[in-house]
Amino acid sequence: MSAVLEKAQTFEDFLVMPDTEVAASIEAAREALGSRVVILGHHYQRDDVIKHADLTGDSYQLSVMASQTDAEYIVFCGVHFMAESADIVGKDYQRVILPDLGAGCSMADMASIDQVEDAWEQLREIGVLEQKIAPITYMNSTAAIKAFCGRNEGVVCTSSNAIPLFDIYLKNYDKMFFFPDQHLGRNTGAKFGIPLDKMALWDPNLELGGNTPEQLRDAKLILWKGHCSVHGRFKSWHVDKIRDEHPGMQVLVHPECPREVVEISDLDGSTSFIIKTVEASPAGSKWAIGTEVNLVNRLQARFPDKEIRLLAPDLCMCATMYRIAPQNLAWAMANLTEDVVVNEIIVDDETKHFANIALGRMIELTEVRSGS
C-alpha cells in the first residue's frame, strides 16, 4: 500500500493532515482501487473536492452515469437524496458511499414520508382524491417519497423535464400535488397559465395545509411549502440592483428561485440549461446568474472572455453540500482500499421497486414527449 495511505487510520488523522497530503491520499486510493471505484461530484460541490471527481453533473445524471460503469463502489460527493438515487438506479452489486452522512438537503428534509402520507389522507377525507390527482415529486426528495409517487400513479421530475411532464399530467389529470419545492412547482405551473389563485400552498404543520376544503378542491396545483435554502434567498431587488449597476447584464436564474425573481429575469432553467446557455453565448456577453456560487465561480474560470457574476454577491453556498470536504473523501477512499465500506447508503428493496416505477414513468413520458 502507498505510504501516504498508511499514515492515516481514522477520520481524525485526516483532519490534522496537511491539505496536500489529503489530496495525495485520495489520488493514491484511487490508483489502488482502479476501476472498482467511481467518484461523483455534483455541480455545487466545492472545488477542492470536485477536482477528484471522475464524473461531474446534476444529481440524477450522475446516478445514471455511475450505473453505466462497472464500478463496485460509487462515492457520491453530493447530498443524501442523491446517494439514495444512485442506489435506486445502480446495479445490484454496486455499493454507494456518502463521505459525510451529515450532508443532507434542507429542501428534501422539508417533506417527510409521514407528512406526505398524512396530507394524502386528509385530501382523501375531503373528497379531493375522488378527482383525478397525481403526486409529482422533485428529484430533490427522499427515496420514500419517490416510492409514494410510484404507488400512486405519480412521477419524479427534474428541473430539466418539469415542463414536459407538467404538460402531460395537466392534460390527463384534474390536478397535481407537487413537492417538496413550491417555487419550481409555481414557476412551472405559471408557464402553463395556471393563475396563482388556482395554486394552493400546503403547509404540513397546519390542518389541510392551511387551506379550506373548497380551495383544495378548486386548485389545479397543490404546492408543498418547501424551498431551496440557496435559491430561495434570491430576491427581486437583486435583479433590479444588478441591472441598475451593470447595464446590458442578462439575468439567468434557476427555477428554484421565487416566482417574483423568475418572472423579471431574462431566462430561467435547470443547472444544465444555465451551463449550456453560457457556453453558447458569444464572447463579451454579460451574465448575472442566480444559482449556487461554486457553479458560478467555475463558469467564470471557464469563460474569461465573458462577464459572469453571481446575481447577489453576498450569496450563496450550499452549506450541506459543503460538509463533504477532502478529508471526508480521503477517509472514505482509504477505507475502501481495505475493503471497508463506511457511510453506505442502502435503500430497501420495496422502496427501491416503487421509486423505480416513478423514475421509469419519468423516463418513458419524457421520451414520448420528445419523440425519441
Protein backbone atom coordinates (compact mmCIF):
# COMPACT_ATOMS: atom_id res chain seq x y z
CA MET A 1 0.00 0.00 0.00
CA SER A 2 1.11 3.56 -0.67
CA ALA A 3 2.94 5.19 2.21
CA VAL A 4 0.55 8.14 2.13
CA LEU A 5 -2.38 5.79 2.82
CA GLU A 6 -0.59 4.14 5.73
CA LYS A 7 -0.27 7.48 7.51
CA ALA A 8 -3.98 7.68 8.44
CA GLN A 9 -6.22 5.09 10.05
CA THR A 10 -9.06 7.21 11.40
CA PHE A 11 -11.04 10.20 10.20
CA GLU A 12 -9.40 12.30 12.93
CA ASP A 13 -6.00 11.58 11.41
CA PHE A 14 -7.13 13.18 8.16
CA LEU A 15 -8.37 16.27 9.98
CA VAL A 16 -4.85 17.18 11.10
CA MET A 17 -3.16 16.18 7.85
CA PRO A 18 -1.88 18.96 5.54
CA ASP A 19 -4.15 19.61 2.55
CA THR A 20 -1.53 18.42 0.08
CA GLU A 21 -1.26 15.05 1.83
CA VAL A 22 -5.05 14.70 1.97
CA ALA A 23 -5.21 15.25 -1.80
CA ALA A 24 -2.35 12.81 -2.34
CA SER A 25 -4.14 10.21 -0.20
CA ILE A 26 -7.28 10.47 -2.35
CA GLU A 27 -5.30 10.01 -5.55
CA ALA A 28 -3.31 7.13 -4.07
CA ALA A 29 -6.50 5.36 -3.06
CA ARG A 30 -7.98 5.96 -6.50
CA GLU A 31 -4.90 4.40 -8.11
CA ALA A 32 -5.05 1.42 -5.76
CA LEU A 33 -8.76 0.84 -6.41
CA GLY A 34 -8.67 1.44 -10.15
CA SER A 35 -11.95 0.75 -11.94
CA ARG A 36 -13.50 -0.65 -8.75
CA VAL A 37 -14.47 2.89 -7.73
CA VAL A 38 -16.07 5.92 -9.37
CA ILE A 39 -16.14 9.31 -7.66
CA LEU A 40 -19.14 11.52 -8.45
CA GLY A 41 -19.05 15.29 -7.96
CA HIS A 42 -22.22 17.38 -8.07
CA HIS A 43 -22.05 20.77 -9.81
CA TYR A 44 -22.46 22.57 -6.46
CA GLN A 45 -19.57 20.75 -4.81
CA ARG A 46 -16.55 22.70 -3.61
CA ASP A 47 -13.52 22.88 -5.93
CA ASP A 48 -11.10 21.02 -3.67
CA VAL A 49 -13.44 18.01 -3.87
CA ILE A 50 -14.66 18.34 -7.45
CA LYS A 51 -11.10 18.15 -8.74
CA HIS A 52 -11.00 14.49 -7.64
CA ALA A 53 -14.30 13.55 -9.33
CA ASP A 54 -14.36 11.09 -12.22
CA LEU A 55 -17.79 12.37 -13.27
CA THR A 56 -19.47 15.73 -12.66
CA GLY A 57 -23.05 16.78 -13.30
CA ASP A 58 -26.54 17.07 -11.83
CA SER A 59 -27.78 14.55 -9.28
CA TYR A 60 -29.85 12.18 -11.41
CA GLN A 61 -27.48 12.48 -14.37
CA LEU A 62 -24.62 11.38 -12.10
CA SER A 63 -26.61 8.42 -10.75
CA VAL A 64 -27.36 7.19 -14.25
CA MET A 65 -23.76 7.64 -15.40
CA ALA A 66 -22.46 5.73 -12.37
CA SER A 67 -24.91 2.87 -13.04
CA GLN A 68 -23.48 2.57 -16.54
CA THR A 69 -19.99 1.88 -15.19
CA ASP A 70 -18.70 -1.42 -13.82
CA ALA A 71 -17.52 0.22 -10.60
CA GLU A 72 -18.14 -1.74 -7.43
CA TYR A 73 -18.07 1.41 -5.29
CA ILE A 74 -19.88 4.67 -6.06
CA VAL A 75 -18.55 7.51 -3.91
CA PHE A 76 -21.10 10.32 -4.21
CA CYS A 77 -19.84 13.77 -3.32
CA GLY A 78 -23.28 15.31 -3.07
CA VAL A 79 -26.08 15.06 -0.52
CA HIS A 80 -28.16 12.25 0.95
CA PHE A 81 -31.06 12.08 -1.52
CA MET A 82 -28.55 11.98 -4.40
CA ALA A 83 -26.79 8.96 -2.91
CA GLU A 84 -30.19 7.29 -2.45
CA SER A 85 -30.94 7.86 -6.13
CA ALA A 86 -27.61 6.27 -7.06
CA ASP A 87 -28.53 3.19 -5.02
CA ILE A 88 -32.01 3.06 -6.59
CA VAL A 89 -30.78 3.07 -10.19
CA GLY A 90 -27.44 1.30 -9.65
CA LYS A 91 -26.56 -2.30 -10.40
CA ASP A 92 -27.26 -4.86 -7.66
CA TYR A 93 -23.60 -5.25 -6.78
CA GLN A 94 -22.80 -1.53 -6.68
CA ARG A 95 -22.44 0.00 -3.23
CA VAL A 96 -22.97 3.72 -2.64
CA ILE A 97 -20.93 5.76 -0.17
CA LEU A 98 -21.73 9.29 1.06
CA PRO A 99 -18.46 10.66 2.50
CA ASP A 100 -20.32 12.63 5.22
CA LEU A 101 -23.70 11.38 6.43
CA GLY A 102 -24.45 14.90 7.62
CA ALA A 103 -24.59 16.13 4.02
CA GLY A 104 -28.33 16.41 3.64
CA CYS A 105 -30.64 18.65 1.63
CA SER A 106 -32.76 21.16 3.54
CA MET A 107 -35.39 21.09 0.79
CA ALA A 108 -35.69 17.30 0.83
CA ASP A 109 -35.92 17.41 4.62
CA MET A 110 -38.95 19.73 4.40
CA ALA A 111 -41.16 16.83 3.28
CA SER A 112 -41.07 13.55 5.20
CA ILE A 113 -42.93 10.47 4.04
CA ASP A 114 -45.13 10.60 7.17
CA GLN A 115 -46.15 14.18 6.37
CA VAL A 116 -46.87 13.38 2.74
CA GLU A 117 -48.96 10.30 3.59
CA ASP A 118 -50.86 12.32 6.20
CA ALA A 119 -51.55 15.05 3.63
CA TRP A 120 -52.77 12.45 1.12
CA GLU A 121 -55.15 11.00 3.72
CA GLN A 122 -56.50 14.47 4.54
CA LEU A 123 -57.16 15.03 0.83
CA ARG A 124 -58.97 11.68 0.75
CA GLU A 125 -61.17 12.66 3.69
CA ILE A 126 -62.43 15.83 1.97
CA GLY A 127 -63.03 14.08 -1.35
CA VAL A 128 -60.13 15.53 -3.33
CA LEU A 129 -58.89 12.06 -4.23
CA GLU A 130 -62.20 11.44 -5.95
CA GLN A 131 -60.82 13.77 -8.57
CA LYS A 132 -58.01 12.54 -10.78
CA ILE A 133 -54.93 13.74 -8.90
CA ALA A 134 -51.28 12.82 -9.41
CA PRO A 135 -48.45 13.27 -6.91
CA ILE A 136 -45.32 14.73 -8.52
CA THR A 137 -42.08 14.83 -6.59
CA TYR A 138 -38.99 16.78 -7.47
CA MET A 139 -35.80 14.75 -7.67
CA ASN A 140 -34.69 16.59 -4.51
CA SER A 141 -36.72 14.30 -2.25
CA THR A 142 -36.28 11.14 -0.24
CA ALA A 143 -36.45 7.68 -1.76
CA ALA A 144 -39.58 7.01 0.31
CA ILE A 145 -41.41 9.93 -1.33
CA LYS A 146 -40.31 8.81 -4.79
CA ALA A 147 -41.77 5.39 -3.92
CA PHE A 148 -45.00 7.05 -2.74
CA CYS A 149 -45.36 8.61 -6.20
CA GLY A 150 -44.65 5.24 -7.79
CA ARG A 151 -47.51 3.68 -5.82
CA ASN A 152 -49.99 6.45 -6.62
CA GLU A 153 -49.74 6.96 -10.39
CA GLY A 154 -47.22 9.74 -9.86
CA VAL A 155 -43.84 10.58 -11.24
CA VAL A 156 -40.48 12.12 -10.40
CA CYS A 157 -39.35 15.25 -12.23
CA THR A 158 -36.13 17.19 -12.58
CA SER A 159 -35.78 20.91 -13.21
CA SER A 160 -34.87 19.94 -16.80
CA ASN A 161 -38.00 17.93 -17.58
CA ALA A 162 -40.60 19.54 -15.31
CA ILE A 163 -42.22 21.39 -18.24
CA PRO A 164 -42.90 18.35 -20.48
CA LEU A 165 -44.09 16.30 -17.52
CA PHE A 166 -46.45 19.07 -16.35
CA ASP A 167 -47.76 19.27 -19.90
CA ILE A 168 -48.63 15.57 -19.90
CA TYR A 169 -50.13 15.47 -16.42
CA LEU A 170 -52.16 18.68 -16.80
CA LYS A 171 -53.79 17.18 -19.89
CA ASN A 172 -54.59 13.85 -18.24
CA TYR A 173 -55.31 14.71 -14.59
CA ASP A 174 -57.61 17.14 -12.80
CA LYS A 175 -54.83 18.37 -10.57
CA MET A 176 -51.30 17.70 -9.31
CA PHE A 177 -49.80 17.63 -5.83
CA PHE A 178 -46.23 18.84 -6.23
CA PHE A 179 -43.48 18.55 -3.61
CA PRO A 180 -41.21 19.47 -1.98
CA ASP A 181 -40.21 22.72 -3.81
CA GLN A 182 -43.02 25.23 -4.06
CA HIS A 183 -41.00 27.57 -6.29
CA LEU A 184 -40.23 25.06 -9.05
CA GLY A 185 -43.86 23.96 -8.97
CA ARG A 186 -45.20 27.52 -9.06
CA ASN A 187 -42.82 28.66 -11.80
CA THR A 188 -43.59 25.63 -13.94
CA GLY A 189 -47.34 25.95 -13.39
CA ALA A 190 -47.18 29.63 -14.38
CA LYS A 191 -45.68 28.62 -17.74
CA PHE A 192 -48.98 26.81 -18.43
CA GLY A 193 -51.08 29.79 -17.45
CA ILE A 194 -52.28 28.44 -14.10
CA PRO A 195 -53.31 31.51 -12.08
CA LEU A 196 -51.95 31.88 -8.56
CA ASP A 197 -55.44 31.53 -7.07
CA LYS A 198 -55.55 28.01 -8.54
CA MET A 199 -52.30 27.09 -6.78
CA ALA A 200 -52.90 26.09 -3.16
CA LEU A 201 -49.91 26.09 -0.80
CA TRP A 202 -49.79 23.12 1.60
CA ASP A 203 -48.15 23.80 4.97
CA PRO A 204 -47.55 20.36 6.58
CA ASN A 205 -47.78 21.91 10.05
CA LEU A 206 -51.39 23.03 9.56
CA GLU A 207 -54.69 21.18 9.19
CA LEU A 208 -55.48 20.80 5.46
CA GLY A 209 -52.16 22.53 4.87
CA GLY A 210 -53.73 25.83 5.95
CA ASN A 211 -56.41 25.70 3.23
CA THR A 212 -60.17 25.33 3.15
CA PRO A 213 -61.65 22.19 1.57
CA GLU A 214 -63.03 24.40 -1.22
CA GLN A 215 -59.59 25.83 -2.02
CA LEU A 216 -58.12 22.35 -2.31
CA ARG A 217 -60.99 21.06 -4.43
CA ASP A 218 -60.73 24.06 -6.78
CA ALA A 219 -56.93 24.10 -7.03
CA LYS A 220 -55.28 22.91 -10.22
CA LEU A 221 -51.93 22.64 -8.46
CA ILE A 222 -51.25 21.96 -4.77
CA LEU A 223 -47.74 23.05 -3.80
CA TRP A 224 -45.83 21.76 -0.80
CA LYS A 225 -44.41 24.52 1.40
CA GLY A 226 -40.73 23.73 0.81
CA HIS A 227 -37.87 25.57 -0.82
CA CYS A 228 -34.16 25.50 -1.59
CA SER A 229 -32.12 27.29 1.07
CA VAL A 230 -29.79 28.55 -1.67
CA HIS A 231 -32.13 29.65 -4.46
CA GLY A 232 -34.84 30.81 -2.07
CA ARG A 233 -32.58 33.64 -0.88
CA PHE A 234 -32.50 35.45 -4.21
CA LYS A 235 -34.86 38.45 -4.28
CA SER A 236 -36.36 40.64 -6.99
CA TRP A 237 -34.36 43.63 -5.73
CA HIS A 238 -31.16 41.70 -6.54
CA VAL A 239 -32.30 41.68 -10.19
CA ASP A 240 -33.15 45.39 -10.11
CA LYS A 241 -29.82 46.26 -8.50
CA ILE A 242 -27.67 44.28 -10.93
CA ARG A 243 -29.41 45.87 -13.92
CA ASP A 244 -29.02 49.30 -12.38
CA GLU A 245 -25.31 48.90 -11.70
CA HIS A 246 -24.40 46.84 -14.79
CA PRO A 247 -26.35 47.89 -17.91
CA GLY A 248 -26.58 45.17 -20.55
CA MET A 249 -26.33 42.36 -18.00
CA GLN A 250 -28.59 39.41 -18.77
CA VAL A 251 -30.14 37.73 -15.73
CA LEU A 252 -30.20 33.93 -15.80
CA VAL A 253 -31.70 32.08 -12.82
CA HIS A 254 -32.65 28.61 -11.65
CA PRO A 255 -36.41 27.86 -11.43
CA GLU A 256 -36.00 27.04 -7.74
CA CYS A 257 -35.84 30.82 -7.24
CA PRO A 258 -39.03 32.56 -6.03
CA ARG A 259 -41.65 33.49 -8.61
CA GLU A 260 -41.01 37.24 -8.29
CA VAL A 261 -37.36 36.66 -9.28
CA VAL A 262 -38.05 34.32 -12.18
CA GLU A 263 -40.74 36.48 -13.76
CA ILE A 264 -38.45 39.52 -14.10
CA SER A 265 -35.34 37.58 -15.17
CA ASP A 266 -34.31 37.23 -18.81
CA LEU A 267 -34.02 33.44 -18.71
CA ASP A 268 -34.60 30.63 -16.23
CA GLY A 269 -33.73 26.97 -16.39
CA SER A 270 -32.02 23.98 -14.84
CA THR A 271 -28.35 23.80 -13.98
CA SER A 272 -27.62 22.13 -17.32
CA PHE A 273 -29.63 24.85 -19.08
CA ILE A 274 -27.60 27.53 -17.30
CA ILE A 275 -24.31 25.90 -18.30
CA LYS A 276 -25.36 25.37 -21.93
CA THR A 277 -26.71 28.92 -22.23
CA VAL A 278 -23.43 30.42 -21.06
CA GLU A 279 -21.42 28.01 -23.25
CA ALA A 280 -23.39 29.04 -26.35
CA SER A 281 -23.29 32.78 -25.68
CA PRO A 282 -20.86 34.98 -27.63
CA ALA A 283 -17.65 36.43 -26.25
CA GLY A 284 -18.29 39.68 -24.43
CA SER A 285 -21.77 38.69 -23.28
CA LYS A 286 -22.71 39.60 -19.71
CA TRP A 287 -24.45 37.24 -17.30
CA ALA A 288 -25.72 37.62 -13.74
CA ILE A 289 -26.55 34.11 -12.59
CA GLY A 290 -28.88 33.19 -9.76
CA THR A 291 -27.66 29.82 -8.57
CA GLU A 292 -25.07 28.21 -6.27
CA VAL A 293 -21.77 30.09 -6.03
CA ASN A 294 -19.38 27.20 -6.77
CA LEU A 295 -21.01 26.64 -10.15
CA VAL A 296 -20.88 30.36 -10.97
CA ASN A 297 -17.22 30.53 -9.99
CA ARG A 298 -16.39 27.62 -12.28
CA LEU A 299 -18.23 29.26 -15.16
CA GLN A 300 -16.19 32.41 -14.56
CA ALA A 301 -12.98 30.39 -14.74
CA ARG A 302 -14.09 28.55 -17.90
CA PHE A 303 -15.18 31.63 -19.82
CA PRO A 304 -12.81 34.54 -19.12
CA ASP A 305 -13.99 36.16 -22.39
CA LYS A 306 -17.45 36.68 -20.86
CA GLU A 307 -18.53 38.78 -17.91
CA ILE A 308 -20.09 36.38 -15.42
CA ARG A 309 -21.10 37.27 -11.90
CA LEU A 310 -23.29 35.97 -9.11
CA LEU A 311 -26.68 37.68 -9.08
CA ALA A 312 -26.25 38.55 -5.39
CA PRO A 313 -22.57 38.81 -4.31
CA ASP A 314 -23.36 38.04 -0.66
CA LEU A 315 -24.93 34.71 -1.67
CA CYS A 316 -24.83 31.79 -1.77
CA MET A 317 -23.19 28.44 -1.00
CA CYS A 318 -24.97 25.15 -0.44
CA ALA A 319 -23.91 24.65 3.17
CA THR A 320 -24.93 20.99 3.41
CA MET A 321 -23.08 20.11 0.20
CA TYR A 322 -20.04 21.92 1.64
CA ARG A 323 -19.97 19.45 4.54
CA ILE A 324 -18.20 16.99 2.25
CA ALA A 325 -14.59 18.08 2.49
CA PRO A 326 -11.46 16.44 1.03
CA GLN A 327 -10.85 14.91 4.46
CA ASN A 328 -14.19 13.03 4.28
CA LEU A 329 -13.44 11.81 0.78
CA ALA A 330 -9.92 10.74 1.73
CA TRP A 331 -11.19 8.81 4.77
CA ALA A 332 -13.87 7.00 2.74
CA MET A 333 -11.43 6.15 -0.04
CA ALA A 334 -8.71 4.93 2.33
CA ASN A 335 -11.21 2.57 3.95
CA LEU A 336 -12.21 1.20 0.55
CA THR A 337 -8.60 0.21 -0.10
CA GLU A 338 -9.01 -2.08 2.92
CA ASP A 339 -12.40 -3.32 1.58
CA VAL A 340 -14.15 -1.47 4.42
CA VAL A 341 -17.27 0.41 3.33
CA VAL A 342 -18.13 3.41 5.50
CA ASN A 343 -21.26 5.57 5.31
CA GLU A 344 -23.02 3.20 2.92
CA ILE A 345 -26.42 4.38 1.67
CA ILE A 346 -28.87 1.49 1.26
CA VAL A 347 -32.45 1.83 0.01
CA ASP A 348 -34.62 -1.17 0.95
CA ASP A 349 -35.90 -3.35 -1.88
CA GLU A 350 -39.59 -2.38 -1.65
CA THR A 351 -38.84 1.35 -1.64
CA LYS A 352 -36.40 0.86 -4.48
CA HIS A 353 -39.01 -1.03 -6.51
CA PHE A 354 -41.69 1.67 -6.31
CA ALA A 355 -39.20 4.53 -6.65
CA ASN A 356 -38.01 2.93 -9.87
CA ILE A 357 -41.61 2.84 -11.11
CA ALA A 358 -41.87 6.61 -10.63
CA LEU A 359 -38.47 7.16 -12.26
CA GLY A 360 -39.41 4.80 -15.08
CA ARG A 361 -42.56 6.85 -15.76
CA MET A 362 -40.42 9.98 -15.88
CA ILE A 363 -38.12 8.45 -18.49
CA GLU A 364 -40.94 6.92 -20.54
CA LEU A 365 -43.08 10.07 -20.59
CA THR A 366 -40.15 12.34 -21.34
CA GLU A 367 -39.11 10.12 -24.26
CA VAL A 368 -42.66 10.02 -25.60
CA ARG A 369 -42.90 13.83 -25.32
CA SER A 370 -39.60 14.32 -27.19
CA GLY A 371 -40.50 11.72 -29.81
CA SER A 372 -37.30 9.77 -29.17
